[in-house]
Amino acid sequence: MANFKYYIKSARLRTLPLSLSGIIIGVSLASKISEPDVLTVLFTCLTTLFLQILSNVSNELGDHLLGTDTEDRLGPQYSAGNLSIAELKRMIVANIILSSASGLTMIWSAFGSLFCIKSLIFILLGACAIVAAIKYTLGKNPYGYRAKGDLFVFIFFGLVPVLGSYYIASETLPTLLSILPAAAIGFFSIGVLNINNIRDIVTDANTRVTTAIKFGENNAKIYQIILVTLGWICLFVYTYYSSVDWKSYIILITFPIYIINTYQVYRRSGRSLDAMLPMLVMTTFLLSILFAIFN
């Protein structure tokens, strides 16, 4: 397929580990009270990946239609100009189908039926996730162009994947304490978005309003410090109240990397910020793996 590499670019693979971080933590929390079903966990991961790709491709098409991604873009160049609008739309439809099929399989595997109350609630939640993924930059009034992306990222990259996968894997309501690691992943995920918005603050100003534009570059960098600090406060409090031995604190191995990343975000601007985005993604992914192994 001649355009295969552009389809891969549109999927934005470097963002996918972040979407799995919440699932890893949610399933690990659930494993403390029951043994998660392997098939259910597999389809939970697949559903999350398809939703992330759906969001990425919708973002690509929305930015292309609204003229946000131009030759002046400071981040990676994706498929704009190489894939047609029709091809991007087909990718969106394909990922809607894949995420829906995978999500329904996940629900059936977890609850044994698609028509019980628990299943219907998760079907509704999945529909909301699909709409949120598409509406970020697509449609007449995309929320990503109105500085509302941070809230949706916190919900759909933090609270929903952690607490949702916890319930899917254990069929038990999450504890109040489990909200803390969910919030931590949410704060770090907003941090990834914030780096992206600080990097593109000049070019975005022509077509959209982001939190970084509303705050200004310097205040957006202070906001980044606050986000990372809040994430680690949540993790420290959770670990203090839930740990049974010193191994729970092994997640601190990643703490210096967060410090370095935050410092570099503060001192850099423009294109030089781009390397900080995957660094934060992969550090959060590593943290989630350490959390799953040692908590």
C-alpha atoms as a PDB file:
ATOM      1  CA  MET A   1       0.000   0.000   0.000  1.00  0.00           C
ATOM      2  CA  ALA A   2       1.624   3.204  -1.210  1.00  0.00           C
ATOM      3  CA  ASN A   3       0.249   5.341   1.602  1.00  0.00           C
ATOM      4  CA  PHE A   4       0.875   2.822   4.373  1.00  0.00           C
ATOM      5  CA  LYS A   5       3.605   4.909   6.011  1.00  0.00           C
ATOM      6  CA  TYR A   6       1.282   7.899   6.133  1.00  0.00           C
ATOM      7  CA  TYR A   7      -1.450   5.835   7.769  1.00  0.00           C
ATOM      8  CA  ILE A   8       1.116   4.851  10.407  1.00  0.00           C
ATOM      9  CA  LYS A   9       2.151   8.482  10.849  1.00  0.00           C
ATOM     10  CA  SER A  10      -1.472   9.506  11.355  1.00  0.00           C
ATOM     11  CA  ALA A  11      -1.809   6.910  14.131  1.00  0.00           C
ATOM     12  CA  ARG A  12       0.931   8.845  16.034  1.00  0.00           C
ATOM     13  CA  LEU A  13       2.426   5.741  17.612  1.00  0.00           C
ATOM     14  CA  ARG A  14       4.533   7.681  20.088  1.00  0.00           C
ATOM     15  CA  THR A  15       1.362   8.623  21.997  1.00  0.00           C
ATOM     16  CA  LEU A  16       0.082   5.059  22.435  1.00  0.00           C
ATOM     17  CA  PRO A  17       2.104   4.068  25.547  1.00  0.00           C
ATOM     18  CA  LEU A  18       0.419   6.899  27.464  1.00  0.00           C
ATOM     19  CA  SER A  19      -3.030   5.486  26.708  1.00  0.00           C
ATOM     20  CA  LEU A  20      -1.966   2.110  28.125  1.00  0.00           C
ATOM     21  CA  SER A  21      -0.542   3.563  31.344  1.00  0.00           C
ATOM     22  CA  GLY A  22      -3.943   4.024  32.951  1.00  0.00           C
ATOM     23  CA  ILE A  23      -5.042   0.509  31.986  1.00  0.00           C
ATOM     24  CA  ILE A  24      -1.886  -1.016  33.459  1.00  0.00           C
ATOM     25  CA  ILE A  25      -2.452   0.778  36.760  1.00  0.00           C
ATOM     26  CA  GLY A  26      -6.176   0.001  36.864  1.00  0.00           C
ATOM     27  CA  VAL A  27      -5.677  -3.707  36.206  1.00  0.00           C
ATOM     28  CA  SER A  28      -2.841  -3.880  38.745  1.00  0.00           C
ATOM     29  CA  LEU A  29      -5.104  -2.341  41.395  1.00  0.00           C
ATOM     30  CA  ALA A  30      -7.845  -4.831  40.527  1.00  0.00           C
ATOM     31  CA  SER A  31      -5.418  -7.745  40.774  1.00  0.00           C
ATOM     32  CA  LYS A  32      -5.088  -7.052  44.504  1.00  0.00           C
ATOM     33  CA  ILE A  33      -8.634  -8.258  45.094  1.00  0.00           C
ATOM     34  CA  SER A  34      -9.223 -10.737  42.241  1.00  0.00           C
ATOM     35  CA  GLU A  35      -7.448 -12.383  39.336  1.00  0.00           C
ATOM     36  CA  PRO A  36      -8.277 -10.442  36.152  1.00  0.00           C
ATOM     37  CA  ASP A  37      -9.392 -12.440  33.119  1.00  0.00           C
ATOM     38  CA  VAL A  38      -6.654 -12.381  30.472  1.00  0.00           C
ATOM     39  CA  LEU A  39      -9.082 -12.025  27.553  1.00  0.00           C
ATOM     40  CA  THR A  40     -10.860  -9.125  29.233  1.00  0.00           C
ATOM     41  CA  VAL A  41      -7.567  -7.339  29.882  1.00  0.00           C
ATOM     42  CA  LEU A  42      -6.436  -7.928  26.290  1.00  0.00           C
ATOM     43  CA  PHE A  43      -9.576  -6.359  24.831  1.00  0.00           C
ATOM     44  CA  THR A  44      -9.411  -3.518  27.347  1.00  0.00           C
ATOM     45  CA  CYS A  45      -5.940  -2.680  26.016  1.00  0.00           C
ATOM     46  CA  LEU A  46      -7.030  -3.013  22.385  1.00  0.00           C
ATOM     47  CA  THR A  47     -10.074  -0.810  22.930  1.00  0.00           C
ATOM     48  CA  THR A  48      -7.893   1.855  24.519  1.00  0.00           C
ATOM     49  CA  LEU A  49      -5.404   1.761  21.645  1.00  0.00           C
ATOM     50  CA  PHE A  50      -8.119   2.015  18.993  1.00  0.00           C
ATOM     51  CA  LEU A  51      -9.687   4.967  20.834  1.00  0.00           C
ATOM     52  CA  GLN A  52      -6.306   6.697  21.037  1.00  0.00           C
ATOM     53  CA  ILE A  53      -5.693   6.197  17.317  1.00  0.00           C
ATOM     54  CA  LEU A  54      -9.230   7.442  16.616  1.00  0.00           C
ATOM     55  CA  SER A  55      -8.449  10.578  18.603  1.00  0.00           C
ATOM     56  CA  ASN A  56      -5.139  11.066  16.794  1.00  0.00           C
ATOM     57  CA  VAL A  57      -6.583  10.671  13.301  1.00  0.00           C
ATOM     58  CA  SER A  58      -9.569  12.884  14.128  1.00  0.00           C
ATOM     59  CA  ASN A  59      -7.097  15.461  15.419  1.00  0.00           C
ATOM     60  CA  GLU A  60      -5.172  15.177  12.174  1.00  0.00           C
ATOM     61  CA  LEU A  61      -8.246  15.684  10.013  1.00  0.00           C
ATOM     62  CA  GLY A  62      -9.638  18.479  12.176  1.00  0.00           C
ATOM     63  CA  ASP A  63      -6.364  20.418  12.154  1.00  0.00           C
ATOM     64  CA  HIS A  64      -6.065  19.897   8.396  1.00  0.00           C
ATOM     65  CA  LEU A  65      -9.610  21.128   7.685  1.00  0.00           C
ATOM     66  CA  LEU A  66      -9.242  24.152   9.960  1.00  0.00           C
ATOM     67  CA  GLY A  67      -5.809  25.059   8.613  1.00  0.00           C
ATOM     68  CA  THR A  68      -3.925  24.554  11.875  1.00  0.00           C
ATOM     69  CA  ASP A  69      -1.194  22.239  10.550  1.00  0.00           C
ATOM     70  CA  THR A  70       0.885  24.244   8.105  1.00  0.00           C
ATOM     71  CA  GLU A  71       4.483  24.207   6.949  1.00  0.00           C
ATOM     72  CA  ASP A  72       5.270  26.366   9.997  1.00  0.00           C
ATOM     73  CA  ARG A  73       4.294  23.553  12.379  1.00  0.00           C
ATOM     74  CA  LEU A  74       7.006  23.036  15.018  1.00  0.00           C
ATOM     75  CA  GLY A  75       6.038  19.468  15.926  1.00  0.00           C
ATOM     76  CA  PRO A  76       6.303  16.354  13.760  1.00  0.00           C
ATOM     77  CA  GLN A  77       4.812  16.545  10.287  1.00  0.00           C
ATOM     78  CA  TYR A  78       2.126  13.887   9.955  1.00  0.00           C
ATOM     79  CA  SER A  79       0.070  12.947   6.916  1.00  0.00           C
ATOM     80  CA  ALA A  80      -1.409  16.281   5.901  1.00  0.00           C
ATOM     81  CA  GLY A  81      -0.944  16.641   2.141  1.00  0.00           C
ATOM     82  CA  ASN A  82      -0.123  12.942   1.728  1.00  0.00           C
ATOM     83  CA  LEU A  83      -3.469  11.408   2.658  1.00  0.00           C
ATOM     84  CA  SER A  84      -6.682  12.754   1.223  1.00  0.00           C
ATOM     85  CA  ILE A  85      -9.579  13.888   3.364  1.00  0.00           C
ATOM     86  CA  ALA A  86     -11.473  10.800   2.204  1.00  0.00           C
ATOM     87  CA  GLU A  87      -8.625   8.529   3.340  1.00  0.00           C
ATOM     88  CA  LEU A  88      -8.495  10.169   6.763  1.00  0.00           C
ATOM     89  CA  LYS A  89     -12.266   9.808   7.083  1.00  0.00           C
ATOM     90  CA  ARG A  90     -11.971   6.102   6.226  1.00  0.00           C
ATOM     91  CA  MET A  91      -9.357   5.738   8.963  1.00  0.00           C
ATOM     92  CA  ILE A  92     -11.736   7.401  11.413  1.00  0.00           C
ATOM     93  CA  VAL A  93     -14.620   5.097  10.451  1.00  0.00           C
ATOM     94  CA  ALA A  94     -12.344   2.042  10.656  1.00  0.00           C
ATOM     95  CA  ASN A  95     -11.215   2.964  14.173  1.00  0.00           C
ATOM     96  CA  ILE A  96     -14.774   3.674  15.295  1.00  0.00           C
ATOM     97  CA  ILE A  97     -15.683   0.157  14.143  1.00  0.00           C
ATOM     98  CA  LEU A  98     -12.585  -1.427  15.691  1.00  0.00           C
ATOM     99  CA  SER A  99     -12.936   0.366  19.040  1.00  0.00           C
ATOM    100  CA  SER A 100     -16.661  -0.456  19.175  1.00  0.00           C
ATOM    101  CA  ALA A 101     -16.141  -4.139  18.334  1.00  0.00           C
ATOM    102  CA  SER A 102     -13.252  -4.452  20.765  1.00  0.00           C
ATOM    103  CA  GLY A 103     -15.149  -2.588  23.469  1.00  0.00           C
ATOM    104  CA  LEU A 104     -18.240  -4.759  23.113  1.00  0.00           C
ATOM    105  CA  THR A 105     -16.064  -7.876  23.256  1.00  0.00           C
ATOM    106  CA  MET A 106     -14.390  -6.529  26.407  1.00  0.00           C
ATOM    107  CA  ILE A 107     -17.788  -5.926  28.025  1.00  0.00           C
ATOM    108  CA  TRP A 108     -19.127  -9.335  27.029  1.00  0.00           C
ATOM    109  CA  SER A 109     -15.963 -11.013  28.327  1.00  0.00           C
ATOM    110  CA  ALA A 110     -16.185  -9.137  31.637  1.00  0.00           C
ATOM    111  CA  PHE A 111     -19.902  -9.462  32.357  1.00  0.00           C
ATOM    112  CA  GLY A 112     -21.094 -12.358  30.176  1.00  0.00           C
ATOM    113  CA  SER A 113     -23.835 -10.247  28.573  1.00  0.00           C
ATOM    114  CA  LEU A 114     -24.272  -6.999  26.680  1.00  0.00           C
ATOM    115  CA  PHE A 115     -27.701  -6.307  28.134  1.00  0.00           C
ATOM    116  CA  CYS A 116     -27.219  -6.143  31.900  1.00  0.00           C
ATOM    117  CA  ILE A 117     -27.064  -2.792  33.719  1.00  0.00           C
ATOM    118  CA  LYS A 118     -23.280  -2.934  34.124  1.00  0.00           C
ATOM    119  CA  SER A 119     -22.800  -3.608  30.412  1.00  0.00           C
ATOM    120  CA  LEU A 120     -25.143  -0.827  29.353  1.00  0.00           C
ATOM    121  CA  ILE A 121     -23.298   1.657  31.570  1.00  0.00           C
ATOM    122  CA  PHE A 122     -19.974   0.734  29.969  1.00  0.00           C
ATOM    123  CA  ILE A 123     -21.488   0.856  26.470  1.00  0.00           C
ATOM    124  CA  LEU A 124     -22.659   4.408  27.232  1.00  0.00           C
ATOM    125  CA  LEU A 125     -19.219   5.271  28.613  1.00  0.00           C
ATOM    126  CA  GLY A 126     -17.603   3.860  25.480  1.00  0.00           C
ATOM    127  CA  ALA A 127     -19.908   5.921  23.266  1.00  0.00           C
ATOM    128  CA  CYS A 128     -18.923   9.042  25.217  1.00  0.00           C
ATOM    129  CA  ALA A 129     -15.237   8.164  24.737  1.00  0.00           C
ATOM    130  CA  ILE A 130     -15.737   7.823  20.965  1.00  0.00           C
ATOM    131  CA  VAL A 131     -17.527  11.172  20.766  1.00  0.00           C
ATOM    132  CA  ALA A 132     -14.856  12.841  22.917  1.00  0.00           C
ATOM    133  CA  ALA A 133     -12.089  11.415  20.710  1.00  0.00           C
ATOM    134  CA  ILE A 134     -13.727  12.757  17.552  1.00  0.00           C
ATOM    135  CA  LYS A 135     -14.896  16.125  18.848  1.00  0.00           C
ATOM    136  CA  TYR A 136     -11.485  17.240  20.116  1.00  0.00           C
ATOM    137  CA  THR A 137     -10.734  19.023  16.833  1.00  0.00           C
ATOM    138  CA  LEU A 138     -13.558  17.878  14.531  1.00  0.00           C
ATOM    139  CA  GLY A 139     -16.991  19.394  14.075  1.00  0.00           C
ATOM    140  CA  LYS A 140     -18.372  22.915  14.190  1.00  0.00           C
ATOM    141  CA  ASN A 141     -17.288  23.685  17.741  1.00  0.00           C
ATOM    142  CA  PRO A 142     -14.368  21.405  18.724  1.00  0.00           C
ATOM    143  CA  TYR A 143     -13.576  21.605  22.423  1.00  0.00           C
ATOM    144  CA  GLY A 144      -9.831  21.338  21.767  1.00  0.00           C
ATOM    145  CA  TYR A 145     -10.040  24.754  20.114  1.00  0.00           C
ATOM    146  CA  ARG A 146     -11.717  26.281  23.199  1.00  0.00           C
ATOM    147  CA  ALA A 147      -9.100  25.430  25.867  1.00  0.00           C
ATOM    148  CA  LYS A 148     -11.192  22.543  27.193  1.00  0.00           C
ATOM    149  CA  GLY A 149      -8.820  19.745  26.191  1.00  0.00           C
ATOM    150  CA  ASP A 150      -7.183  19.593  29.630  1.00  0.00           C
ATOM    151  CA  LEU A 151     -10.410  18.589  31.387  1.00  0.00           C
ATOM    152  CA  PHE A 152     -11.249  15.912  28.837  1.00  0.00           C
ATOM    153  CA  VAL A 153      -7.705  14.522  28.951  1.00  0.00           C
ATOM    154  CA  PHE A 154      -7.896  14.309  32.754  1.00  0.00           C
ATOM    155  CA  ILE A 155     -11.176  12.386  32.507  1.00  0.00           C
ATOM    156  CA  PHE A 156     -10.490  10.104  29.545  1.00  0.00           C
ATOM    157  CA  PHE A 157      -6.752   9.512  30.067  1.00  0.00           C
ATOM    158  CA  GLY A 158      -6.771   9.448  33.863  1.00  0.00           C
ATOM    159  CA  LEU A 159     -10.000   8.683  35.672  1.00  0.00           C
ATOM    160  CA  VAL A 160     -11.793   6.583  33.055  1.00  0.00           C
ATOM    161  CA  PRO A 161      -8.991   4.177  32.076  1.00  0.00           C
ATOM    162  CA  VAL A 162      -7.778   3.563  35.643  1.00  0.00           C
ATOM    163  CA  LEU A 163     -11.118   3.332  37.415  1.00  0.00           C
ATOM    164  CA  GLY A 164     -12.918   1.786  34.444  1.00  0.00           C
ATOM    165  CA  SER A 165     -10.351  -0.970  33.929  1.00  0.00           C
ATOM    166  CA  TYR A 166     -10.349  -1.555  37.700  1.00  0.00           C
ATOM    167  CA  TYR A 167     -14.066  -2.283  37.608  1.00  0.00           C
ATOM    168  CA  ILE A 168     -13.916  -4.257  34.358  1.00  0.00           C
ATOM    169  CA  ALA A 169     -11.155  -6.477  35.765  1.00  0.00           C
ATOM    170  CA  SER A 170     -12.633  -6.976  39.241  1.00  0.00           C
ATOM    171  CA  GLU A 171     -16.380  -6.159  39.016  1.00  0.00           C
ATOM    172  CA  THR A 172     -15.815  -4.189  42.224  1.00  0.00           C
ATOM    173  CA  LEU A 173     -16.264  -0.465  42.701  1.00  0.00           C
ATOM    174  CA  PRO A 174     -12.920   1.344  43.010  1.00  0.00           C
ATOM    175  CA  THR A 175     -11.895   2.479  46.474  1.00  0.00           C
ATOM    176  CA  LEU A 176     -11.508   6.159  47.284  1.00  0.00           C
ATOM    177  CA  LEU A 177      -7.760   5.577  47.562  1.00  0.00           C
ATOM    178  CA  SER A 178      -7.588   4.263  43.987  1.00  0.00           C
ATOM    179  CA  ILE A 179      -8.736   7.663  42.731  1.00  0.00           C
ATOM    180  CA  LEU A 180      -5.268   9.012  43.608  1.00  0.00           C
ATOM    181  CA  PRO A 181      -3.223   7.047  41.015  1.00  0.00           C
ATOM    182  CA  ALA A 182      -6.018   7.686  38.505  1.00  0.00           C
ATOM    183  CA  ALA A 183      -5.686  11.416  39.144  1.00  0.00           C
ATOM    184  CA  ALA A 184      -1.884  11.162  38.891  1.00  0.00           C
ATOM    185  CA  ILE A 185      -2.097   9.644  35.408  1.00  0.00           C
ATOM    186  CA  GLY A 186      -4.618  12.342  34.519  1.00  0.00           C
ATOM    187  CA  PHE A 187      -2.272  15.126  35.630  1.00  0.00           C
ATOM    188  CA  PHE A 188       0.697  13.635  33.753  1.00  0.00           C
ATOM    189  CA  SER A 189      -1.476  13.237  30.644  1.00  0.00           C
ATOM    190  CA  ILE A 190      -2.478  16.890  30.804  1.00  0.00           C
ATOM    191  CA  GLY A 191       1.251  17.581  31.086  1.00  0.00           C
ATOM    192  CA  VAL A 192       1.831  15.856  27.751  1.00  0.00           C
ATOM    193  CA  LEU A 193      -0.904  17.964  26.148  1.00  0.00           C
ATOM    194  CA  ASN A 194       0.496  21.092  27.767  1.00  0.00           C
ATOM    195  CA  ILE A 195       3.986  20.491  26.337  1.00  0.00           C
ATOM    196  CA  ASN A 196       2.388  20.083  22.909  1.00  0.00           C
ATOM    197  CA  ASN A 197       0.462  23.343  23.368  1.00  0.00           C
ATOM    198  CA  ILE A 198       3.476  25.306  24.629  1.00  0.00           C
ATOM    199  CA  ARG A 199       5.519  24.099  21.651  1.00  0.00           C
ATOM    200  CA  ASP A 200       2.808  25.212  19.208  1.00  0.00           C
ATOM    201  CA  ILE A 201       1.772  28.373  21.049  1.00  0.00           C
ATOM    202  CA  VAL A 202       2.715  30.687  18.170  1.00  0.00           C
ATOM    203  CA  THR A 203       1.205  28.716  15.292  1.00  0.00           C
ATOM    204  CA  ASP A 204      -1.904  27.705  17.268  1.00  0.00           C
ATOM    205  CA  ALA A 205      -2.736  31.336  18.033  1.00  0.00           C
ATOM    206  CA  ASN A 206      -3.955  31.802  14.454  1.00  0.00           C
ATOM    207  CA  THR A 207      -6.695  29.179  14.628  1.00  0.00           C
ATOM    208  CA  ARG A 208      -7.471  28.075  18.195  1.00  0.00           C
ATOM    209  CA  VAL A 209      -7.383  28.873  21.891  1.00  0.00           C
ATOM    210  CA  THR A 210      -5.479  26.468  24.152  1.00  0.00           C
ATOM    211  CA  THR A 211      -4.710  26.656  27.850  1.00  0.00           C
ATOM    212  CA  ALA A 212      -1.137  27.615  26.967  1.00  0.00           C
ATOM    213  CA  ILE A 213      -2.378  30.526  24.849  1.00  0.00           C
ATOM    214  CA  LYS A 214      -4.722  31.689  27.609  1.00  0.00           C
ATOM    215  CA  PHE A 215      -1.985  31.494  30.241  1.00  0.00           C
ATOM    216  CA  GLY A 216       0.911  32.739  28.139  1.00  0.00           C
ATOM    217  CA  GLU A 217       4.105  30.739  27.658  1.00  0.00           C
ATOM    218  CA  ASN A 218       5.751  31.466  30.992  1.00  0.00           C
ATOM    219  CA  ASN A 219       2.603  30.774  33.028  1.00  0.00           C
ATOM    220  CA  ALA A 220       1.964  27.629  30.985  1.00  0.00           C
ATOM    221  CA  LYS A 221       5.397  26.393  32.066  1.00  0.00           C
ATOM    222  CA  ILE A 222       4.522  27.121  35.699  1.00  0.00           C
ATOM    223  CA  TYR A 223       1.279  25.217  35.054  1.00  0.00           C
ATOM    224  CA  GLN A 224       3.441  22.288  33.897  1.00  0.00           C
ATOM    225  CA  ILE A 225       5.316  22.318  37.205  1.00  0.00           C
ATOM    226  CA  ILE A 226       1.994  22.324  39.068  1.00  0.00           C
ATOM    227  CA  LEU A 227       0.660  19.388  37.023  1.00  0.00           C
ATOM    228  CA  VAL A 228       3.710  17.207  37.671  1.00  0.00           C
ATOM    229  CA  THR A 229       3.736  18.206  41.344  1.00  0.00           C
ATOM    230  CA  LEU A 230       0.052  17.321  41.773  1.00  0.00           C
ATOM    231  CA  GLY A 231       0.627  13.975  40.054  1.00  0.00           C
ATOM    232  CA  TRP A 232       3.428  13.083  42.433  1.00  0.00           C
ATOM    233  CA  ILE A 233       1.523  14.273  45.502  1.00  0.00           C
ATOM    234  CA  CYS A 234      -1.257  11.850  44.519  1.00  0.00           C
ATOM    235  CA  LEU A 235       1.256   9.020  44.108  1.00  0.00           C
ATOM    236  CA  PHE A 236       3.039   9.773  47.394  1.00  0.00           C
ATOM    237  CA  VAL A 237      -0.223   9.866  49.353  1.00  0.00           C
ATOM    238  CA  TYR A 238      -1.471   6.671  47.721  1.00  0.00           C
ATOM    239  CA  THR A 239       1.806   4.835  48.336  1.00  0.00           C
ATOM    240  CA  TYR A 240       2.015   6.017  51.959  1.00  0.00           C
ATOM    241  CA  TYR A 241      -1.473   4.744  52.822  1.00  0.00           C
ATOM    242  CA  SER A 242      -1.471   1.568  50.730  1.00  0.00           C
ATOM    243  CA  SER A 243       2.100   0.238  50.810  1.00  0.00           C
ATOM    244  CA  VAL A 244       2.903  -2.964  52.673  1.00  0.00           C
ATOM    245  CA  ASP A 245       6.693  -2.783  52.264  1.00  0.00           C
ATOM    246  CA  TRP A 246       9.477  -0.695  50.785  1.00  0.00           C
ATOM    247  CA  LYS A 247       9.045  -2.141  47.280  1.00  0.00           C
ATOM    248  CA  SER A 248       6.038   0.105  46.698  1.00  0.00           C
ATOM    249  CA  TYR A 249       8.447   3.048  46.634  1.00  0.00           C
ATOM    250  CA  ILE A 250      10.385   1.705  43.634  1.00  0.00           C
ATOM    251  CA  ILE A 251       8.242   3.996  41.471  1.00  0.00           C
ATOM    252  CA  LEU A 252      10.511   6.764  42.831  1.00  0.00           C
ATOM    253  CA  ILE A 253      13.086   5.601  40.273  1.00  0.00           C
ATOM    254  CA  THR A 254      11.147   7.652  37.725  1.00  0.00           C
ATOM    255  CA  PHE A 255      10.925  10.781  39.888  1.00  0.00           C
ATOM    256  CA  PRO A 256      14.290  12.287  38.776  1.00  0.00           C
ATOM    257  CA  ILE A 257      13.259  11.841  35.135  1.00  0.00           C
ATOM    258  CA  TYR A 258      10.109  13.849  35.793  1.00  0.00           C
ATOM    259  CA  ILE A 259      12.245  16.546  37.431  1.00  0.00           C
ATOM    260  CA  ILE A 260      14.605  16.666  34.440  1.00  0.00           C
ATOM    261  CA  ASN A 261      11.691  16.726  31.999  1.00  0.00           C
ATOM    262  CA  THR A 262       9.941  19.544  33.863  1.00  0.00           C
ATOM    263  CA  TYR A 263      13.145  21.576  34.106  1.00  0.00           C
ATOM    264  CA  GLN A 264      13.792  21.158  30.386  1.00  0.00           C
ATOM    265  CA  VAL A 265      10.228  22.171  29.550  1.00  0.00           C
ATOM    266  CA  TYR A 266      10.716  25.322  31.614  1.00  0.00           C
ATOM    267  CA  ARG A 267      13.931  26.350  29.902  1.00  0.00           C
ATOM    268  CA  ARG A 268      13.048  25.368  26.296  1.00  0.00           C
ATOM    269  CA  SER A 269      10.736  26.894  23.720  1.00  0.00           C
ATOM    270  CA  GLY A 270       9.376  26.076  20.284  1.00  0.00           C
ATOM    271  CA  ARG A 271      10.677  23.103  18.355  1.00  0.00           C
ATOM    272  CA  SER A 272      13.197  22.155  21.050  1.00  0.00           C
ATOM    273  CA  LEU A 273      10.259  21.166  23.291  1.00  0.00           C
ATOM    274  CA  ASP A 274       9.244  18.346  20.974  1.00  0.00           C
ATOM    275  CA  ALA A 275      11.675  15.837  22.483  1.00  0.00           C
ATOM    276  CA  MET A 276      10.171  16.462  25.927  1.00  0.00           C
ATOM    277  CA  LEU A 277       6.768  15.115  24.857  1.00  0.00           C
ATOM    278  CA  PRO A 278       7.748  11.463  24.177  1.00  0.00           C
ATOM    279  CA  MET A 279      10.073  11.619  27.179  1.00  0.00           C
ATOM    280  CA  LEU A 280       7.113  12.343  29.463  1.00  0.00           C
ATOM    281  CA  VAL A 281       4.979   9.710  27.706  1.00  0.00           C
ATOM    282  CA  MET A 282       7.561   6.958  28.136  1.00  0.00           C
ATOM    283  CA  THR A 283       8.404   7.964  31.715  1.00  0.00           C
ATOM    284  CA  THR A 284       4.728   7.705  32.651  1.00  0.00           C
ATOM    285  CA  PHE A 285       4.528   4.341  30.895  1.00  0.00           C
ATOM    286  CA  LEU A 286       7.590   3.128  32.846  1.00  0.00           C
ATOM    287  CA  LEU A 287       6.044   4.405  36.073  1.00  0.00           C
ATOM    288  CA  SER A 288       2.841   2.452  35.380  1.00  0.00           C
ATOM    289  CA  ILE A 289       4.809  -0.761  34.814  1.00  0.00           C
ATOM    290  CA  LEU A 290       6.792  -0.308  38.043  1.00  0.00           C
ATOM    291  CA  PHE A 291       3.548   0.490  39.854  1.00  0.00           C
ATOM    292  CA  ALA A 292       1.957  -2.708  38.538  1.00  0.00           C
ATOM    293  CA  ILE A 293       4.928  -4.873  39.496  1.00  0.00           C
ATOM    294  CA  PHE A 294       5.711  -3.536  42.968  1.00  0.00           C
ATOM    295  CA  ASN A 295       2.406  -2.255  44.383  1.00  0.00           C
END
